[in-house]
Amino acid sequence: MIGLQLGALISGAVITETIFGIAGFGRLTIDAVNQRDYALIQGVVLVAAAGYVVVNLLVDVVVYSVPQSADPRRRERCD
């Protein structure tokens, strides 16, 4: 669940940083959109998407490294 919440965290950063005037990833995104800096917007989207993919990959690796006995949904049926 933590890995899936990364998208909400990034979008929440945009709103929070804009409201409170904090310099960060969200503020950079808003400033790039307001200035119509397309290269920076592409970079921000690329970094956010790559981060989302990497975090989800790490979550999948960690989840599937847990022994099968710890997760009853992954047990194979022996009929």
PDB file of N, CA and C in Angstrom:
ATOM      1  N   MET A   1       0.818  -1.200   0.000  1.00  0.00           N
ATOM      2  CA  MET A   1       0.000   0.000   0.000  1.00  0.00           C
ATOM      3  C   MET A   1       0.863   1.265   0.000  1.00  0.00           C
ATOM      4  N   ILE A   2       2.025   1.202   0.619  1.00  0.00           N
ATOM      5  CA  ILE A   2       2.887   2.382   0.681  1.00  0.00           C
ATOM      6  C   ILE A   2       3.335   2.778  -0.720  1.00  0.00           C
ATOM      7  N   GLY A   3       3.695   1.812  -1.533  1.00  0.00           N
ATOM      8  CA  GLY A   3       4.155   2.108  -2.884  1.00  0.00           C
ATOM      9  C   GLY A   3       3.072   2.721  -3.747  1.00  0.00           C
ATOM     10  N   LEU A   4       1.831   2.306  -3.526  1.00  0.00           N
ATOM     11  CA  LEU A   4       0.734   2.836  -4.323  1.00  0.00           C
ATOM     12  C   LEU A   4       0.356   4.262  -3.926  1.00  0.00           C
ATOM     13  N   GLN A   5       0.746   4.678  -2.742  1.00  0.00           N
ATOM     14  CA  GLN A   5       0.415   6.017  -2.260  1.00  0.00           C
ATOM     15  C   GLN A   5       1.388   7.083  -2.754  1.00  0.00           C
ATOM     16  N   LEU A   6       2.432   6.700  -3.486  1.00  0.00           N
ATOM     17  CA  LEU A   6       3.426   7.662  -3.941  1.00  0.00           C
ATOM     18  C   LEU A   6       2.819   8.705  -4.866  1.00  0.00           C
ATOM     19  N   GLY A   7       1.923   8.300  -5.737  1.00  0.00           N
ATOM     20  CA  GLY A   7       1.271   9.258  -6.636  1.00  0.00           C
ATOM     21  C   GLY A   7       0.478  10.302  -5.879  1.00  0.00           C
ATOM     22  N   ALA A   8      -0.227   9.885  -4.857  1.00  0.00           N
ATOM     23  CA  ALA A   8      -0.977  10.832  -4.029  1.00  0.00           C
ATOM     24  C   ALA A   8      -0.034  11.749  -3.264  1.00  0.00           C
ATOM     25  N   LEU A   9       1.098  11.231  -2.854  1.00  0.00           N
ATOM     26  CA  LEU A   9       2.080  12.039  -2.143  1.00  0.00           C
ATOM     27  C   LEU A   9       2.647  13.134  -3.039  1.00  0.00           C
ATOM     28  N   ILE A  10       2.938  12.798  -4.273  1.00  0.00           N
ATOM     29  CA  ILE A  10       3.480  13.789  -5.206  1.00  0.00           C
ATOM     30  C   ILE A  10       2.438  14.857  -5.519  1.00  0.00           C
ATOM     31  N   SER A  11       1.205  14.453  -5.774  1.00  0.00           N
ATOM     32  CA  SER A  11       0.169  15.447  -6.066  1.00  0.00           C
ATOM     33  C   SER A  11      -0.147  16.291  -4.836  1.00  0.00           C
ATOM     34  N   GLY A  12      -0.061  15.706  -3.663  1.00  0.00           N
ATOM     35  CA  GLY A  12      -0.261  16.464  -2.439  1.00  0.00           C
ATOM     36  C   GLY A  12       0.849  17.472  -2.211  1.00  0.00           C
ATOM     37  N   ALA A  13       2.066  17.135  -2.649  1.00  0.00           N
ATOM     38  CA  ALA A  13       3.192  18.063  -2.518  1.00  0.00           C
ATOM     39  C   ALA A  13       2.975  19.298  -3.380  1.00  0.00           C
ATOM     40  N   VAL A  14       2.406  19.114  -4.552  1.00  0.00           N
ATOM     41  CA  VAL A  14       2.137  20.260  -5.432  1.00  0.00           C
ATOM     42  C   VAL A  14       1.177  21.229  -4.750  1.00  0.00           C
ATOM     43  N   ILE A  15       0.122  20.712  -4.196  1.00  0.00           N
ATOM     44  CA  ILE A  15      -0.884  21.569  -3.542  1.00  0.00           C
ATOM     45  C   ILE A  15      -0.320  22.206  -2.278  1.00  0.00           C
ATOM     46  N   THR A  16       0.330  21.415  -1.440  1.00  0.00           N
ATOM     47  CA  THR A  16       0.857  21.916  -0.169  1.00  0.00           C
ATOM     48  C   THR A  16       1.932  22.972  -0.389  1.00  0.00           C
ATOM     49  N   GLU A  17       2.847  22.723  -1.296  1.00  0.00           N
ATOM     50  CA  GLU A  17       3.925  23.677  -1.540  1.00  0.00           C
ATOM     51  C   GLU A  17       3.407  24.965  -2.173  1.00  0.00           C
ATOM     52  N   THR A  18       2.367  24.872  -2.960  1.00  0.00           N
ATOM     53  CA  THR A  18       1.800  26.071  -3.561  1.00  0.00           C
ATOM     54  C   THR A  18       1.083  26.913  -2.508  1.00  0.00           C
ATOM     55  N   ILE A  19       0.323  26.292  -1.650  1.00  0.00           N
ATOM     56  CA  ILE A  19      -0.427  27.031  -0.625  1.00  0.00           C
ATOM     57  C   ILE A  19       0.508  27.701   0.368  1.00  0.00           C
ATOM     58  N   PHE A  20       1.508  26.966   0.850  1.00  0.00           N
ATOM     59  CA  PHE A  20       2.380  27.487   1.893  1.00  0.00           C
ATOM     60  C   PHE A  20       3.634  28.176   1.360  1.00  0.00           C
ATOM     61  N   GLY A  21       3.836  28.202   0.054  1.00  0.00           N
ATOM     62  CA  GLY A  21       4.985  28.889  -0.526  1.00  0.00           C
ATOM     63  C   GLY A  21       6.311  28.215  -0.240  1.00  0.00           C
ATOM     64  N   ILE A  22       6.301  26.917  -0.066  1.00  0.00           N
ATOM     65  CA  ILE A  22       7.523  26.168   0.207  1.00  0.00           C
ATOM     66  C   ILE A  22       8.186  25.824  -1.127  1.00  0.00           C
ATOM     67  N   ALA A  23       9.506  26.009  -1.185  1.00  0.00           N
ATOM     68  CA  ALA A  23      10.240  25.654  -2.404  1.00  0.00           C
ATOM     69  C   ALA A  23      10.479  24.146  -2.412  1.00  0.00           C
ATOM     70  N   GLY A  24      10.073  23.494  -3.487  1.00  0.00           N
ATOM     71  CA  GLY A  24      10.248  22.051  -3.595  1.00  0.00           C
ATOM     72  C   GLY A  24       9.801  21.569  -4.957  1.00  0.00           C
ATOM     73  N   PHE A  25       9.589  20.265  -5.048  1.00  0.00           N
ATOM     74  CA  PHE A  25       9.226  19.631  -6.318  1.00  0.00           C
ATOM     75  C   PHE A  25       7.875  20.124  -6.837  1.00  0.00           C
ATOM     76  N   GLY A  26       6.921  20.273  -5.959  1.00  0.00           N
ATOM     77  CA  GLY A  26       5.599  20.751  -6.363  1.00  0.00           C
ATOM     78  C   GLY A  26       5.619  22.193  -6.813  1.00  0.00           C
ATOM     79  N   ARG A  27       6.341  23.020  -6.090  1.00  0.00           N
ATOM     80  CA  ARG A  27       6.451  24.443  -6.455  1.00  0.00           C
ATOM     81  C   ARG A  27       7.177  24.594  -7.790  1.00  0.00           C
ATOM     82  N   LEU A  28       8.204  23.782  -8.011  1.00  0.00           N
ATOM     83  CA  LEU A  28       8.919  23.786  -9.281  1.00  0.00           C
ATOM     84  C   LEU A  28       7.975  23.457 -10.432  1.00  0.00           C
ATOM     85  N   THR A  29       7.102  22.498 -10.214  1.00  0.00           N
ATOM     86  CA  THR A  29       6.136  22.107 -11.240  1.00  0.00           C
ATOM     87  C   THR A  29       5.178  23.243 -11.570  1.00  0.00           C
ATOM     88  N   ILE A  30       4.631  23.874 -10.552  1.00  0.00           N
ATOM     89  CA  ILE A  30       3.690  24.976 -10.767  1.00  0.00           C
ATOM     90  C   ILE A  30       4.367  26.158 -11.451  1.00  0.00           C
ATOM     91  N   ASP A  31       5.582  26.482 -11.022  1.00  0.00           N
ATOM     92  CA  ASP A  31       6.311  27.589 -11.651  1.00  0.00           C
ATOM     93  C   ASP A  31       6.613  27.295 -13.116  1.00  0.00           C
ATOM     94  N   ALA A  32       6.962  26.050 -13.430  1.00  0.00           N
ATOM     95  CA  ALA A  32       7.236  25.665 -14.814  1.00  0.00           C
ATOM     96  C   ALA A  32       5.977  25.767 -15.666  1.00  0.00           C
ATOM     97  N   VAL A  33       4.839  25.376 -15.119  1.00  0.00           N
ATOM     98  CA  VAL A  33       3.575  25.470 -15.869  1.00  0.00           C
ATOM     99  C   VAL A  33       3.201  26.929 -16.094  1.00  0.00           C
ATOM    100  N   ASN A  34       3.348  27.758 -15.065  1.00  0.00           N
ATOM    101  CA  ASN A  34       3.005  29.175 -15.214  1.00  0.00           C
ATOM    102  C   ASN A  34       3.905  29.899 -16.198  1.00  0.00           C
ATOM    103  N   GLN A  35       5.176  29.498 -16.279  1.00  0.00           N
ATOM    104  CA  GLN A  35       6.117  30.131 -17.200  1.00  0.00           C
ATOM    105  C   GLN A  35       6.144  29.444 -18.563  1.00  0.00           C
ATOM    106  N   ARG A  36       5.365  28.408 -18.707  1.00  0.00           N
ATOM    107  CA  ARG A  36       5.305  27.616 -19.948  1.00  0.00           C
ATOM    108  C   ARG A  36       6.680  27.113 -20.377  1.00  0.00           C
ATOM    109  N   ASP A  37       7.414  26.606 -19.402  1.00  0.00           N
ATOM    110  CA  ASP A  37       8.736  26.032 -19.635  1.00  0.00           C
ATOM    111  C   ASP A  37       8.545  24.539 -19.912  1.00  0.00           C
ATOM    112  N   TYR A  38       8.357  24.216 -21.180  1.00  0.00           N
ATOM    113  CA  TYR A  38       7.987  22.860 -21.563  1.00  0.00           C
ATOM    114  C   TYR A  38       9.095  21.843 -21.276  1.00  0.00           C
ATOM    115  N   ALA A  39      10.347  22.248 -21.434  1.00  0.00           N
ATOM    116  CA  ALA A  39      11.449  21.321 -21.149  1.00  0.00           C
ATOM    117  C   ALA A  39      11.473  20.955 -19.666  1.00  0.00           C
ATOM    118  N   LEU A  40      11.254  21.919 -18.796  1.00  0.00           N
ATOM    119  CA  LEU A  40      11.230  21.639 -17.362  1.00  0.00           C
ATOM    120  C   LEU A  40      10.021  20.792 -16.985  1.00  0.00           C
ATOM    121  N   ILE A  41       8.888  21.052 -17.609  1.00  0.00           N
ATOM    122  CA  ILE A  41       7.691  20.237 -17.345  1.00  0.00           C
ATOM    123  C   ILE A  41       7.945  18.793 -17.745  1.00  0.00           C
ATOM    124  N   GLN A  42       8.579  18.587 -18.893  1.00  0.00           N
ATOM    125  CA  GLN A  42       8.896  17.228 -19.324  1.00  0.00           C
ATOM    126  C   GLN A  42       9.848  16.549 -18.343  1.00  0.00           C
ATOM    127  N   GLY A  43      10.822  17.303 -17.848  1.00  0.00           N
ATOM    128  CA  GLY A  43      11.762  16.747 -16.876  1.00  0.00           C
ATOM    129  C   GLY A  43      11.084  16.365 -15.575  1.00  0.00           C
ATOM    130  N   VAL A  44      10.189  17.225 -15.109  1.00  0.00           N
ATOM    131  CA  VAL A  44       9.465  16.950 -13.865  1.00  0.00           C
ATOM    132  C   VAL A  44       8.595  15.714 -14.019  1.00  0.00           C
ATOM    133  N   VAL A  45       7.897  15.614 -15.126  1.00  0.00           N
ATOM    134  CA  VAL A  45       7.040  14.448 -15.363  1.00  0.00           C
ATOM    135  C   VAL A  45       7.885  13.179 -15.482  1.00  0.00           C
ATOM    136  N   LEU A  46       9.023  13.282 -16.157  1.00  0.00           N
ATOM    137  CA  LEU A  46       9.902  12.125 -16.306  1.00  0.00           C
ATOM    138  C   LEU A  46      10.431  11.656 -14.953  1.00  0.00           C
ATOM    139  N   VAL A  47      10.882  12.582 -14.116  1.00  0.00           N
ATOM    140  CA  VAL A  47      11.412  12.214 -12.802  1.00  0.00           C
ATOM    141  C   VAL A  47      10.303  11.627 -11.922  1.00  0.00           C
ATOM    142  N   ALA A  48       9.118  12.221 -11.947  1.00  0.00           N
ATOM    143  CA  ALA A  48       8.009  11.715 -11.136  1.00  0.00           C
ATOM    144  C   ALA A  48       7.589  10.318 -11.594  1.00  0.00           C
ATOM    145  N   ALA A  49       7.493  10.113 -12.894  1.00  0.00           N
ATOM    146  CA  ALA A  49       7.094   8.804 -13.417  1.00  0.00           C
ATOM    147  C   ALA A  49       8.157   7.744 -13.118  1.00  0.00           C
ATOM    148  N   ALA A  50       9.429   8.096 -13.294  1.00  0.00           N
ATOM    149  CA  ALA A  50      10.508   7.147 -13.011  1.00  0.00           C
ATOM    150  C   ALA A  50      10.538   6.795 -11.524  1.00  0.00           C
ATOM    151  N   GLY A  51      10.333   7.777 -10.674  1.00  0.00           N
ATOM    152  CA  GLY A  51      10.289   7.513  -9.241  1.00  0.00           C
ATOM    153  C   GLY A  51       9.141   6.599  -8.869  1.00  0.00           C
ATOM    154  N   TYR A  52       7.991   6.821  -9.482  1.00  0.00           N
ATOM    155  CA  TYR A  52       6.815   5.990  -9.225  1.00  0.00           C
ATOM    156  C   TYR A  52       7.068   4.543  -9.658  1.00  0.00           C
ATOM    157  N   VAL A  53       7.676   4.378 -10.820  1.00  0.00           N
ATOM    158  CA  VAL A  53       7.965   3.029 -11.325  1.00  0.00           C
ATOM    159  C   VAL A  53       8.986   2.331 -10.438  1.00  0.00           C
ATOM    160  N   VAL A  54      10.032   3.032 -10.041  1.00  0.00           N
ATOM    161  CA  VAL A  54      11.073   2.426  -9.203  1.00  0.00           C
ATOM    162  C   VAL A  54      10.512   2.019  -7.837  1.00  0.00           C
ATOM    163  N   VAL A  55       9.722   2.887  -7.226  1.00  0.00           N
ATOM    164  CA  VAL A  55       9.152   2.558  -5.915  1.00  0.00           C
ATOM    165  C   VAL A  55       8.220   1.361  -6.025  1.00  0.00           C
ATOM    166  N   ASN A  56       7.390   1.299  -7.051  1.00  0.00           N
ATOM    167  CA  ASN A  56       6.501   0.147  -7.221  1.00  0.00           C
ATOM    168  C   ASN A  56       7.281  -1.137  -7.493  1.00  0.00           C
ATOM    169  N   LEU A  57       8.377  -1.038  -8.233  1.00  0.00           N
ATOM    170  CA  LEU A  57       9.222  -2.203  -8.467  1.00  0.00           C
ATOM    171  C   LEU A  57       9.838  -2.693  -7.166  1.00  0.00           C
ATOM    172  N   LEU A  58      10.336  -1.770  -6.353  1.00  0.00           N
ATOM    173  CA  LEU A  58      10.914  -2.158  -5.070  1.00  0.00           C
ATOM    174  C   LEU A  58       9.878  -2.778  -4.146  1.00  0.00           C
ATOM    175  N   VAL A  59       8.676  -2.241  -4.146  1.00  0.00           N
ATOM    176  CA  VAL A  59       7.607  -2.817  -3.318  1.00  0.00           C
ATOM    177  C   VAL A  59       7.286  -4.235  -3.784  1.00  0.00           C
ATOM    178  N   ASP A  60       7.205  -4.445  -5.086  1.00  0.00           N
ATOM    179  CA  ASP A  60       6.933  -5.788  -5.603  1.00  0.00           C
ATOM    180  C   ASP A  60       8.039  -6.764  -5.228  1.00  0.00           C
ATOM    181  N   VAL A  61       9.283  -6.337  -5.337  1.00  0.00           N
ATOM    182  CA  VAL A  61      10.407  -7.219  -4.986  1.00  0.00           C
ATOM    183  C   VAL A  61      10.354  -7.580  -3.507  1.00  0.00           C
ATOM    184  N   VAL A  62      10.064  -6.605  -2.659  1.00  0.00           N
ATOM    185  CA  VAL A  62      10.000  -6.872  -1.220  1.00  0.00           C
ATOM    186  C   VAL A  62       8.829  -7.796  -0.897  1.00  0.00           C
ATOM    187  N   VAL A  63       7.670  -7.555  -1.509  1.00  0.00           N
ATOM    188  CA  VAL A  63       6.494  -8.382  -1.223  1.00  0.00           C
ATOM    189  C   VAL A  63       6.722  -9.817  -1.660  1.00  0.00           C
ATOM    190  N   TYR A  64       7.334 -10.019  -2.821  1.00  0.00           N
ATOM    191  CA  TYR A  64       7.520 -11.383  -3.294  1.00  0.00           C
ATOM    192  C   TYR A  64       8.717 -12.073  -2.674  1.00  0.00           C
ATOM    193  N   SER A  65       9.515 -11.349  -1.902  1.00  0.00           N
ATOM    194  CA  SER A  65      10.614 -11.995  -1.200  1.00  0.00           C
ATOM    195  C   SER A  65      10.180 -12.530   0.164  1.00  0.00           C
ATOM    196  N   VAL A  66       8.974 -12.142   0.604  1.00  0.00           N
ATOM    197  CA  VAL A  66       8.434 -12.647   1.863  1.00  0.00           C
ATOM    198  C   VAL A  66       8.086 -14.120   1.676  1.00  0.00           C
ATOM    199  N   PRO A  67       8.406 -14.970   2.658  1.00  0.00           N
ATOM    200  CA  PRO A  67       8.080 -16.402   2.510  1.00  0.00           C
ATOM    201  C   PRO A  67       6.589 -16.627   2.250  1.00  0.00           C
ATOM    202  N   GLN A  68       6.299 -17.684   1.537  1.00  0.00           N
ATOM    203  CA  GLN A  68       4.909 -17.962   1.178  1.00  0.00           C
ATOM    204  C   GLN A  68       4.041 -18.244   2.390  1.00  0.00           C
ATOM    205  N   SER A  69       4.610 -18.752   3.427  1.00  0.00           N
ATOM    206  CA  SER A  69       3.808 -19.069   4.602  1.00  0.00           C
ATOM    207  C   SER A  69       3.282 -17.802   5.286  1.00  0.00           C
ATOM    208  N   ALA A  70       3.920 -16.665   5.042  1.00  0.00           N
ATOM    209  CA  ALA A  70       3.478 -15.419   5.660  1.00  0.00           C
ATOM    210  C   ALA A  70       2.262 -14.830   4.952  1.00  0.00           C
ATOM    211  N   ASP A  71       2.037 -15.200   3.707  1.00  0.00           N
ATOM    212  CA  ASP A  71       0.918 -14.664   2.938  1.00  0.00           C
ATOM    213  C   ASP A  71       0.041 -15.816   2.459  1.00  0.00           C
ATOM    214  N   PRO A  72      -1.115 -16.042   3.072  1.00  0.00           N
ATOM    215  CA  PRO A  72      -1.946 -17.188   2.712  1.00  0.00           C
ATOM    216  C   PRO A  72      -2.501 -17.106   1.291  1.00  0.00           C
ATOM    217  N   ARG A  73      -2.536 -15.931   0.691  1.00  0.00           N
ATOM    218  CA  ARG A  73      -3.070 -15.823  -0.675  1.00  0.00           C
ATOM    219  C   ARG A  73      -2.103 -16.419  -1.694  1.00  0.00           C
ATOM    220  N   ARG A  74      -0.834 -16.529  -1.344  1.00  0.00           N
ATOM    221  CA  ARG A  74       0.161 -17.022  -2.286  1.00  0.00           C
ATOM    222  C   ARG A  74       0.425 -18.517  -2.152  1.00  0.00           C
ATOM    223  N   ARG A  75      -0.243 -19.177  -1.244  1.00  0.00           N
ATOM    224  CA  ARG A  75      -0.038 -20.620  -1.082  1.00  0.00           C
ATOM    225  C   ARG A  75      -0.599 -21.363  -2.283  1.00  0.00           C
ATOM    226  N   GLU A  76       0.141 -22.348  -2.723  1.00  0.00           N
ATOM    227  CA  GLU A  76      -0.330 -23.160  -3.843  1.00  0.00           C
ATOM    228  C   GLU A  76      -1.152 -24.316  -3.284  1.00  0.00           C
ATOM    229  N   ARG A  77      -2.210 -24.662  -3.990  1.00  0.00           N
ATOM    230  CA  ARG A  77      -3.054 -25.785  -3.566  1.00  0.00           C
ATOM    231  C   ARG A  77      -2.446 -27.079  -4.089  1.00  0.00           C
ATOM    232  N   CYS A  78      -2.366 -28.013  -3.234  1.00  0.00           N
ATOM    233  CA  CYS A  78      -1.878 -29.340  -3.612  1.00  0.00           C
ATOM    234  C   CYS A  78      -3.068 -30.277  -3.607  1.00  0.00           C
ATOM    235  N   ASP A  79      -3.703 -30.460  -4.756  1.00  0.00           N
ATOM    236  CA  ASP A  79      -4.871 -31.337  -4.857  1.00  0.00           C
ATOM    237  C   ASP A  79      -4.468 -32.718  -5.313  1.00  0.00           C
TER     238      ASP A  79
END
